[in-house]
Amino acid sequence: MKDLSFDIKENSFVAVIGESGVGKTTILNLIFRLYDPHHGSIYIDNVDIKTLNFDFRKGISFVSQAPYLFNGTVLENLTFGFPGASFSEV
């Protein structure tokens, strides 16, 4: 990936789609800070994400092309990222 730049408006829903190997997962890995860019920066609300704690991840969702289920019930899988969720919240 080279010279990528985009803006996402607050409270919007964005889908990143494309053929296999075009960089969708790389974009998400960078946004989630699973690794940092070699060049350039990523900003959220004009703040470099390297200076943020990881709470900003709460507002981002990811649906993989190859979903992974953990050992456990469907309910346990659905509440993995929100373990205190009530049945009605699920």
C-alpha atoms as a PDB file:
ATOM      1  CA  MET A   1       0.000   0.000   0.000  1.00  0.00           C
ATOM      2  CA  LYS A   2       1.374   3.407  -0.898  1.00  0.00           C
ATOM      3  CA  ASP A   3       0.170   6.963  -0.278  1.00  0.00           C
ATOM      4  CA  LEU A   4      -3.209   5.974   1.160  1.00  0.00           C
ATOM      5  CA  SER A   5      -5.304   8.756   2.648  1.00  0.00           C
ATOM      6  CA  PHE A   6      -8.986   8.918   3.570  1.00  0.00           C
ATOM      7  CA  ASP A   7     -11.335  10.673   5.989  1.00  0.00           C
ATOM      8  CA  ILE A   8     -14.267   9.067   7.781  1.00  0.00           C
ATOM      9  CA  LYS A   9     -16.955  11.352   9.146  1.00  0.00           C
ATOM     10  CA  GLU A  10     -17.932  11.042  12.795  1.00  0.00           C
ATOM     11  CA  ASN A  11     -20.767   8.579  13.564  1.00  0.00           C
ATOM     12  CA  SER A  12     -20.660   7.098  10.068  1.00  0.00           C
ATOM     13  CA  PHE A  13     -20.584   3.465   9.032  1.00  0.00           C
ATOM     14  CA  VAL A  14     -17.889   2.463   6.577  1.00  0.00           C
ATOM     15  CA  ALA A  15     -17.336  -0.825   4.778  1.00  0.00           C
ATOM     16  CA  VAL A  16     -13.906  -1.627   3.380  1.00  0.00           C
ATOM     17  CA  ILE A  17     -14.391  -4.137   0.590  1.00  0.00           C
ATOM     18  CA  GLY A  18     -12.285  -5.499  -2.215  1.00  0.00           C
ATOM     19  CA  GLU A  19     -10.561  -8.501  -3.643  1.00  0.00           C
ATOM     20  CA  SER A  20      -8.262 -10.674  -1.593  1.00  0.00           C
ATOM     21  CA  GLY A  21      -4.822  -9.151  -1.111  1.00  0.00           C
ATOM     22  CA  VAL A  22      -5.662  -5.486  -1.730  1.00  0.00           C
ATOM     23  CA  GLY A  23      -4.978  -4.358   1.861  1.00  0.00           C
ATOM     24  CA  LYS A  24      -8.285  -4.432   3.741  1.00  0.00           C
ATOM     25  CA  THR A  25      -6.848  -6.354   6.686  1.00  0.00           C
ATOM     26  CA  THR A  26      -3.717  -4.208   6.659  1.00  0.00           C
ATOM     27  CA  ILE A  27      -5.843  -1.056   7.020  1.00  0.00           C
ATOM     28  CA  LEU A  28      -7.717  -2.559   9.988  1.00  0.00           C
ATOM     29  CA  ASN A  29      -4.505  -3.789  11.622  1.00  0.00           C
ATOM     30  CA  LEU A  30      -3.072  -0.287  11.362  1.00  0.00           C
ATOM     31  CA  ILE A  31      -6.223   1.372  12.718  1.00  0.00           C
ATOM     32  CA  PHE A  32      -6.396  -1.120  15.625  1.00  0.00           C
ATOM     33  CA  ARG A  33      -2.665  -0.494  16.228  1.00  0.00           C
ATOM     34  CA  LEU A  34      -1.800  -4.149  15.916  1.00  0.00           C
ATOM     35  CA  TYR A  35       1.200  -2.665  14.165  1.00  0.00           C
ATOM     36  CA  ASP A  36       2.324   0.853  13.295  1.00  0.00           C
ATOM     37  CA  PRO A  37       2.898   2.312   9.830  1.00  0.00           C
ATOM     38  CA  HIS A  38       6.474   2.471   8.559  1.00  0.00           C
ATOM     39  CA  HIS A  39       5.778   5.951   7.176  1.00  0.00           C
ATOM     40  CA  GLY A  40       3.090   8.515   7.921  1.00  0.00           C
ATOM     41  CA  SER A  41       0.543   8.660  10.717  1.00  0.00           C
ATOM     42  CA  ILE A  42      -3.035   7.750  11.536  1.00  0.00           C
ATOM     43  CA  TYR A  43      -5.231  10.349  13.208  1.00  0.00           C
ATOM     44  CA  ILE A  44      -8.542  10.130  15.022  1.00  0.00           C
ATOM     45  CA  ASP A  45     -10.128  13.528  15.704  1.00  0.00           C
ATOM     46  CA  ASN A  46      -6.825  15.165  14.660  1.00  0.00           C
ATOM     47  CA  VAL A  47      -4.927  13.181  17.309  1.00  0.00           C
ATOM     48  CA  ASP A  48      -2.195  10.730  16.335  1.00  0.00           C
ATOM     49  CA  ILE A  49      -3.407   7.290  17.487  1.00  0.00           C
ATOM     50  CA  LYS A  50       0.053   6.554  18.875  1.00  0.00           C
ATOM     51  CA  THR A  51      -0.795   9.002  21.686  1.00  0.00           C
ATOM     52  CA  LEU A  52      -4.204   7.471  22.508  1.00  0.00           C
ATOM     53  CA  ASN A  53      -4.950   4.673  24.920  1.00  0.00           C
ATOM     54  CA  PHE A  54      -6.694   1.728  23.321  1.00  0.00           C
ATOM     55  CA  ASP A  55     -10.222   2.767  24.392  1.00  0.00           C
ATOM     56  CA  PHE A  56     -10.799   4.242  20.923  1.00  0.00           C
ATOM     57  CA  ARG A  57     -11.131   0.664  19.645  1.00  0.00           C
ATOM     58  CA  LYS A  58     -14.555   0.393  21.326  1.00  0.00           C
ATOM     59  CA  GLY A  59     -16.099   2.402  18.475  1.00  0.00           C
ATOM     60  CA  ILE A  60     -14.719   0.160  15.722  1.00  0.00           C
ATOM     61  CA  SER A  61     -16.101  -3.187  14.572  1.00  0.00           C
ATOM     62  CA  PHE A  62     -14.568  -5.776  12.303  1.00  0.00           C
ATOM     63  CA  VAL A  63     -16.266  -8.593  10.409  1.00  0.00           C
ATOM     64  CA  SER A  64     -13.768 -11.014   8.919  1.00  0.00           C
ATOM     65  CA  GLN A  65     -14.190 -12.851   5.639  1.00  0.00           C
ATOM     66  CA  ALA A  66     -13.349 -16.013   7.583  1.00  0.00           C
ATOM     67  CA  PRO A  67     -15.108 -15.734  10.939  1.00  0.00           C
ATOM     68  CA  TYR A  68     -13.502 -17.459  13.877  1.00  0.00           C
ATOM     69  CA  LEU A  69     -15.500 -18.960  16.719  1.00  0.00           C
ATOM     70  CA  PHE A  70     -14.013 -19.660  20.107  1.00  0.00           C
ATOM     71  CA  ASN A  71     -14.696 -22.879  21.979  1.00  0.00           C
ATOM     72  CA  GLY A  72     -17.907 -22.288  23.875  1.00  0.00           C
ATOM     73  CA  THR A  73     -21.545 -21.554  23.319  1.00  0.00           C
ATOM     74  CA  VAL A  74     -22.936 -19.179  20.699  1.00  0.00           C
ATOM     75  CA  LEU A  75     -23.802 -16.809  23.555  1.00  0.00           C
ATOM     76  CA  GLU A  76     -20.206 -16.896  24.839  1.00  0.00           C
ATOM     77  CA  ASN A  77     -18.937 -16.108  21.345  1.00  0.00           C
ATOM     78  CA  LEU A  78     -21.381 -13.212  20.962  1.00  0.00           C
ATOM     79  CA  THR A  79     -20.393 -11.717  24.310  1.00  0.00           C
ATOM     80  CA  PHE A  80     -16.632 -12.266  23.968  1.00  0.00           C
ATOM     81  CA  GLY A  81     -15.915  -8.537  23.544  1.00  0.00           C
ATOM     82  CA  PHE A  82     -18.596  -7.473  26.043  1.00  0.00           C
ATOM     83  CA  PRO A  83     -18.558 -10.105  28.799  1.00  0.00           C
ATOM     84  CA  GLY A  84     -21.001  -8.234  31.045  1.00  0.00           C
ATOM     85  CA  ALA A  85     -23.730  -8.075  28.373  1.00  0.00           C
ATOM     86  CA  SER A  86     -27.190  -9.082  29.451  1.00  0.00           C
ATOM     87  CA  PHE A  87     -29.252 -11.510  27.377  1.00  0.00           C
ATOM     88  CA  SER A  88     -31.439  -8.633  26.096  1.00  0.00           C
ATOM     89  CA  GLU A  89     -28.326  -6.667  25.014  1.00  0.00           C
ATOM     90  CA  VAL A  90     -27.153  -9.651  22.977  1.00  0.00           C
END
